[in-house]
């Protein structure tokens, strides 16, 4: 399927929107790493498109004490695929993730 043709104005607007969303996700990961936000707070806002489209791996990796290896191990134990996004988690997976991160 070919990509849709966009006018330069539409392209600029889409790029600006994407930049804003990336910046918001970056702020969330920074707040997680500094302990300003908790994992429960973020998972509670899974319906928010900015948070919902964040990859679970990025989310867990931003938490203090979780590096690449520990994140991958936790996701494997919980049966969460590496490419899964927060909005794609089932209710059981969210509950198990909250318990594991508590």
N, C-alpha and C. Protein backbone atom coordinates (compact mmCIF):
# COMPACT_ATOMS: atom_id res chain seq x y z
N UNK A 1 0.85 -1.17 0.00
CA UNK A 1 0.00 0.00 0.00
C UNK A 1 0.90 1.24 0.00
N UNK A 2 0.71 2.11 -0.98
CA UNK A 2 1.55 3.31 -1.03
C UNK A 2 1.19 4.29 0.08
N UNK A 3 2.17 5.07 0.46
CA UNK A 3 1.93 6.07 1.49
C UNK A 3 1.07 7.19 0.92
N UNK A 4 0.20 7.76 1.75
CA UNK A 4 -0.67 8.82 1.24
C UNK A 4 0.15 10.08 0.92
N UNK A 5 -0.28 10.76 -0.12
CA UNK A 5 0.38 12.00 -0.50
C UNK A 5 -0.12 13.12 0.41
N UNK A 6 0.81 13.88 0.96
CA UNK A 6 0.46 14.96 1.88
C UNK A 6 1.00 16.27 1.33
N UNK A 7 0.27 17.32 1.62
CA UNK A 7 0.77 18.64 1.26
C UNK A 7 1.89 18.99 2.23
N UNK A 8 2.74 19.92 1.89
CA UNK A 8 3.80 20.32 2.82
C UNK A 8 3.25 20.80 4.17
N UNK A 9 2.10 21.45 4.16
CA UNK A 9 1.49 21.91 5.41
C UNK A 9 1.03 20.74 6.27
N UNK A 10 0.41 19.73 5.62
CA UNK A 10 -0.03 18.55 6.36
C UNK A 10 1.16 17.80 6.93
N UNK A 11 2.20 17.69 6.15
CA UNK A 11 3.41 17.00 6.61
C UNK A 11 4.03 17.72 7.80
N UNK A 12 4.11 19.04 7.73
CA UNK A 12 4.66 19.84 8.83
C UNK A 12 3.81 19.68 10.08
N UNK A 13 2.50 19.67 9.92
CA UNK A 13 1.60 19.51 11.07
C UNK A 13 1.77 18.13 11.70
N UNK A 14 1.90 17.09 10.87
CA UNK A 14 2.10 15.73 11.39
C UNK A 14 3.43 15.60 12.11
N UNK A 15 4.47 16.20 11.56
CA UNK A 15 5.78 16.16 12.21
C UNK A 15 5.76 16.89 13.55
N UNK A 16 5.07 18.01 13.62
CA UNK A 16 4.97 18.76 14.87
C UNK A 16 4.20 17.96 15.92
N UNK A 17 3.11 17.33 15.50
CA UNK A 17 2.30 16.51 16.42
C UNK A 17 3.15 15.36 16.96
N UNK A 18 3.92 14.71 16.09
CA UNK A 18 4.77 13.60 16.52
C UNK A 18 5.85 14.08 17.49
N UNK A 19 6.41 15.26 17.23
CA UNK A 19 7.43 15.81 18.12
C UNK A 19 6.88 16.07 19.51
N UNK A 20 5.66 16.59 19.57
CA UNK A 20 5.02 16.88 20.86
C UNK A 20 4.76 15.60 21.63
N UNK A 21 4.29 14.56 20.96
CA UNK A 21 4.00 13.29 21.61
C UNK A 21 5.29 12.66 22.14
N UNK A 22 6.37 12.71 21.34
CA UNK A 22 7.66 12.17 21.79
C UNK A 22 8.16 12.92 23.02
N UNK A 23 7.97 14.23 23.01
CA UNK A 23 8.40 15.04 24.15
C UNK A 23 7.60 14.68 25.40
N UNK A 24 6.30 14.47 25.26
CA UNK A 24 5.46 14.09 26.41
C UNK A 24 5.87 12.73 26.96
N UNK A 25 6.15 11.77 26.07
CA UNK A 25 6.60 10.45 26.53
C UNK A 25 7.94 10.55 27.23
N UNK A 26 8.81 11.39 26.73
CA UNK A 26 10.11 11.59 27.35
C UNK A 26 9.95 12.17 28.76
N UNK A 27 9.03 13.11 28.93
CA UNK A 27 8.77 13.69 30.25
C UNK A 27 8.26 12.62 31.21
N UNK A 28 7.41 11.74 30.72
CA UNK A 28 6.87 10.67 31.57
C UNK A 28 7.99 9.73 32.00
N UNK A 29 8.84 9.32 31.06
CA UNK A 29 9.94 8.41 31.43
C UNK A 29 10.91 9.08 32.40
N UNK A 30 11.14 10.38 32.22
CA UNK A 30 12.01 11.10 33.16
C UNK A 30 11.39 11.14 34.55
N UNK A 31 10.10 11.39 34.63
CA UNK A 31 9.41 11.43 35.93
C UNK A 31 9.45 10.06 36.59
N UNK A 32 9.31 9.00 35.79
CA UNK A 32 9.40 7.64 36.34
C UNK A 32 10.80 7.38 36.89
N UNK A 33 11.81 7.75 36.14
CA UNK A 33 13.19 7.46 36.57
C UNK A 33 13.58 8.27 37.80
N UNK A 34 13.00 9.44 37.97
CA UNK A 34 13.30 10.27 39.14
C UNK A 34 12.41 9.95 40.33
N UNK A 35 11.41 9.10 40.13
CA UNK A 35 10.52 8.73 41.22
C UNK A 35 9.39 9.71 41.45
N UNK A 36 9.20 10.67 40.57
CA UNK A 36 8.13 11.65 40.70
C UNK A 36 6.78 10.99 40.41
N UNK A 37 6.75 10.07 39.45
CA UNK A 37 5.54 9.31 39.11
C UNK A 37 5.78 7.85 39.47
N UNK A 38 4.71 7.19 39.86
CA UNK A 38 4.83 5.76 40.16
C UNK A 38 4.32 4.94 38.97
N UNK A 39 4.67 3.68 38.98
CA UNK A 39 4.22 2.79 37.91
C UNK A 39 2.70 2.66 37.93
N UNK A 40 2.09 2.64 39.12
CA UNK A 40 0.62 2.55 39.22
C UNK A 40 -0.05 3.75 38.58
N UNK A 41 0.52 4.93 38.77
CA UNK A 41 -0.04 6.15 38.17
C UNK A 41 -0.06 6.04 36.65
N UNK A 42 1.05 5.60 36.10
CA UNK A 42 1.15 5.50 34.64
C UNK A 42 0.21 4.42 34.11
N UNK A 43 0.20 3.26 34.76
CA UNK A 43 -0.68 2.19 34.29
C UNK A 43 -2.15 2.56 34.45
N UNK A 44 -2.46 3.40 35.42
CA UNK A 44 -3.83 3.86 35.61
C UNK A 44 -4.30 4.78 34.50
N UNK A 45 -3.35 5.37 33.78
CA UNK A 45 -3.68 6.27 32.68
C UNK A 45 -3.45 5.61 31.33
N UNK A 46 -3.60 4.30 31.26
CA UNK A 46 -3.34 3.57 30.02
C UNK A 46 -4.26 4.00 28.89
N UNK A 47 -5.41 4.59 29.21
CA UNK A 47 -6.33 5.06 28.18
C UNK A 47 -5.86 6.33 27.49
N UNK A 48 -4.92 7.05 28.11
CA UNK A 48 -4.35 8.26 27.51
C UNK A 48 -3.53 7.83 26.29
N UNK A 49 -3.78 8.42 25.11
CA UNK A 49 -3.06 7.98 23.91
C UNK A 49 -1.54 8.12 24.02
N UNK A 50 -1.07 9.13 24.74
CA UNK A 50 0.39 9.31 24.87
C UNK A 50 0.99 8.16 25.67
N UNK A 51 0.35 7.79 26.77
CA UNK A 51 0.85 6.70 27.61
C UNK A 51 0.53 5.35 26.97
N UNK A 52 -0.66 5.21 26.42
CA UNK A 52 -1.08 3.95 25.83
C UNK A 52 -0.20 3.48 24.70
N UNK A 53 0.35 4.39 23.93
CA UNK A 53 1.20 4.02 22.80
C UNK A 53 2.66 3.81 23.19
N UNK A 54 2.98 3.98 24.48
CA UNK A 54 4.35 3.76 24.97
C UNK A 54 4.60 2.25 25.04
N UNK A 55 5.78 1.83 24.62
CA UNK A 55 6.10 0.41 24.71
C UNK A 55 6.32 0.02 26.16
N UNK A 56 5.86 -1.17 26.52
CA UNK A 56 5.99 -1.66 27.90
C UNK A 56 7.46 -1.76 28.28
N UNK A 57 8.29 -2.17 27.34
CA UNK A 57 9.73 -2.31 27.60
C UNK A 57 10.33 -0.95 27.99
N UNK A 58 9.95 0.10 27.29
CA UNK A 58 10.44 1.45 27.59
C UNK A 58 9.95 1.90 28.95
N UNK A 59 8.68 1.60 29.24
CA UNK A 59 8.07 1.96 30.52
C UNK A 59 8.81 1.32 31.69
N UNK A 60 9.02 0.00 31.63
CA UNK A 60 9.68 -0.71 32.73
C UNK A 60 11.14 -0.28 32.84
N UNK A 61 11.79 -0.10 31.70
CA UNK A 61 13.20 0.28 31.69
C UNK A 61 13.42 1.66 32.33
N UNK A 62 12.40 2.51 32.32
CA UNK A 62 12.52 3.85 32.90
C UNK A 62 12.44 3.82 34.42
N UNK A 63 11.97 2.74 34.99
CA UNK A 63 11.83 2.65 36.44
C UNK A 63 13.19 2.47 37.11
N UNK A 64 13.39 3.08 38.27
CA UNK A 64 14.66 2.91 38.98
C UNK A 64 14.89 1.44 39.34
N UNK A 65 16.09 0.96 39.10
CA UNK A 65 16.44 -0.41 39.44
C UNK A 65 16.18 -1.41 38.33
N UNK A 66 15.64 -0.96 37.20
CA UNK A 66 15.37 -1.86 36.09
C UNK A 66 16.22 -1.49 34.90
N UNK A 67 17.12 -2.39 34.57
CA UNK A 67 17.95 -2.22 33.39
C UNK A 67 17.43 -3.12 32.28
N UNK A 68 18.21 -3.26 31.26
CA UNK A 68 17.80 -4.04 30.09
C UNK A 68 17.52 -5.50 30.44
N UNK A 69 18.43 -6.12 31.16
CA UNK A 69 18.32 -7.55 31.47
C UNK A 69 17.14 -7.81 32.41
N UNK A 70 17.03 -7.02 33.46
CA UNK A 70 15.96 -7.21 34.43
C UNK A 70 14.59 -6.94 33.79
N UNK A 71 14.53 -5.97 32.90
CA UNK A 71 13.29 -5.66 32.19
C UNK A 71 12.87 -6.83 31.31
N UNK A 72 13.81 -7.35 30.53
CA UNK A 72 13.51 -8.48 29.65
C UNK A 72 13.09 -9.71 30.44
N UNK A 73 13.74 -9.96 31.56
CA UNK A 73 13.40 -11.11 32.41
C UNK A 73 11.98 -10.97 32.96
N UNK A 74 11.63 -9.78 33.45
CA UNK A 74 10.30 -9.54 34.00
C UNK A 74 9.23 -9.71 32.92
N UNK A 75 9.47 -9.17 31.74
CA UNK A 75 8.49 -9.29 30.66
C UNK A 75 8.32 -10.74 30.24
N UNK A 76 9.40 -11.49 30.24
CA UNK A 76 9.32 -12.91 29.88
C UNK A 76 8.52 -13.68 30.93
N UNK A 77 8.77 -13.38 32.21
CA UNK A 77 8.04 -14.06 33.30
C UNK A 77 6.54 -13.78 33.22
N UNK A 78 6.18 -12.55 32.84
CA UNK A 78 4.77 -12.16 32.78
C UNK A 78 4.12 -12.50 31.45
N UNK A 79 4.90 -13.01 30.51
CA UNK A 79 4.35 -13.38 29.21
C UNK A 79 3.97 -12.18 28.35
N UNK A 80 4.73 -11.10 28.47
CA UNK A 80 4.47 -9.90 27.69
C UNK A 80 5.48 -9.84 26.54
N UNK A 81 5.00 -9.83 25.29
CA UNK A 81 5.93 -9.75 24.16
C UNK A 81 6.72 -8.44 24.18
N UNK A 82 7.91 -8.49 23.61
CA UNK A 82 8.83 -7.36 23.64
C UNK A 82 8.28 -6.12 22.93
N UNK A 83 7.44 -6.32 21.93
CA UNK A 83 6.94 -5.20 21.14
C UNK A 83 5.60 -4.66 21.64
N UNK A 84 5.08 -5.21 22.73
CA UNK A 84 3.75 -4.82 23.24
C UNK A 84 3.75 -3.38 23.75
N UNK A 85 2.66 -2.70 23.50
CA UNK A 85 2.47 -1.34 24.01
C UNK A 85 1.53 -1.41 25.22
N UNK A 86 1.53 -0.38 26.04
CA UNK A 86 0.74 -0.38 27.27
C UNK A 86 -0.74 -0.59 26.98
N UNK A 87 -1.26 0.08 25.95
CA UNK A 87 -2.67 -0.06 25.64
C UNK A 87 -3.03 -1.46 25.15
N UNK A 88 -2.05 -2.24 24.74
CA UNK A 88 -2.28 -3.58 24.24
C UNK A 88 -2.25 -4.65 25.32
N UNK A 89 -2.02 -4.26 26.57
CA UNK A 89 -1.98 -5.23 27.67
C UNK A 89 -3.39 -5.60 28.09
N UNK A 90 -3.57 -6.86 28.45
CA UNK A 90 -4.85 -7.31 28.97
C UNK A 90 -4.97 -6.95 30.45
N UNK A 91 -6.15 -7.10 30.99
CA UNK A 91 -6.38 -6.73 32.40
C UNK A 91 -5.53 -7.58 33.34
N UNK A 92 -5.38 -8.87 33.04
CA UNK A 92 -4.55 -9.75 33.87
C UNK A 92 -3.08 -9.33 33.79
N UNK A 93 -2.63 -8.98 32.58
CA UNK A 93 -1.24 -8.57 32.42
C UNK A 93 -0.96 -7.28 33.18
N UNK A 94 -1.89 -6.34 33.15
CA UNK A 94 -1.72 -5.09 33.89
C UNK A 94 -1.67 -5.38 35.38
N UNK A 95 -2.57 -6.22 35.86
CA UNK A 95 -2.61 -6.56 37.28
C UNK A 95 -1.31 -7.24 37.71
N UNK A 96 -0.84 -8.20 36.91
CA UNK A 96 0.41 -8.90 37.23
C UNK A 96 1.61 -7.95 37.18
N UNK A 97 1.59 -7.02 36.24
CA UNK A 97 2.68 -6.04 36.14
C UNK A 97 2.68 -5.12 37.35
N UNK A 98 1.51 -4.69 37.79
CA UNK A 98 1.43 -3.84 38.99
C UNK A 98 1.97 -4.58 40.22
N UNK A 99 1.60 -5.86 40.36
CA UNK A 99 2.09 -6.64 41.50
C UNK A 99 3.60 -6.79 41.45
N UNK A 100 4.14 -7.06 40.26
CA UNK A 100 5.57 -7.27 40.12
C UNK A 100 6.37 -5.99 40.39
N UNK A 101 5.79 -4.85 40.06
CA UNK A 101 6.50 -3.58 40.23
C UNK A 101 6.27 -2.94 41.60
N UNK A 102 5.35 -3.49 42.37
CA UNK A 102 5.04 -2.92 43.69
C UNK A 102 6.12 -3.22 44.70
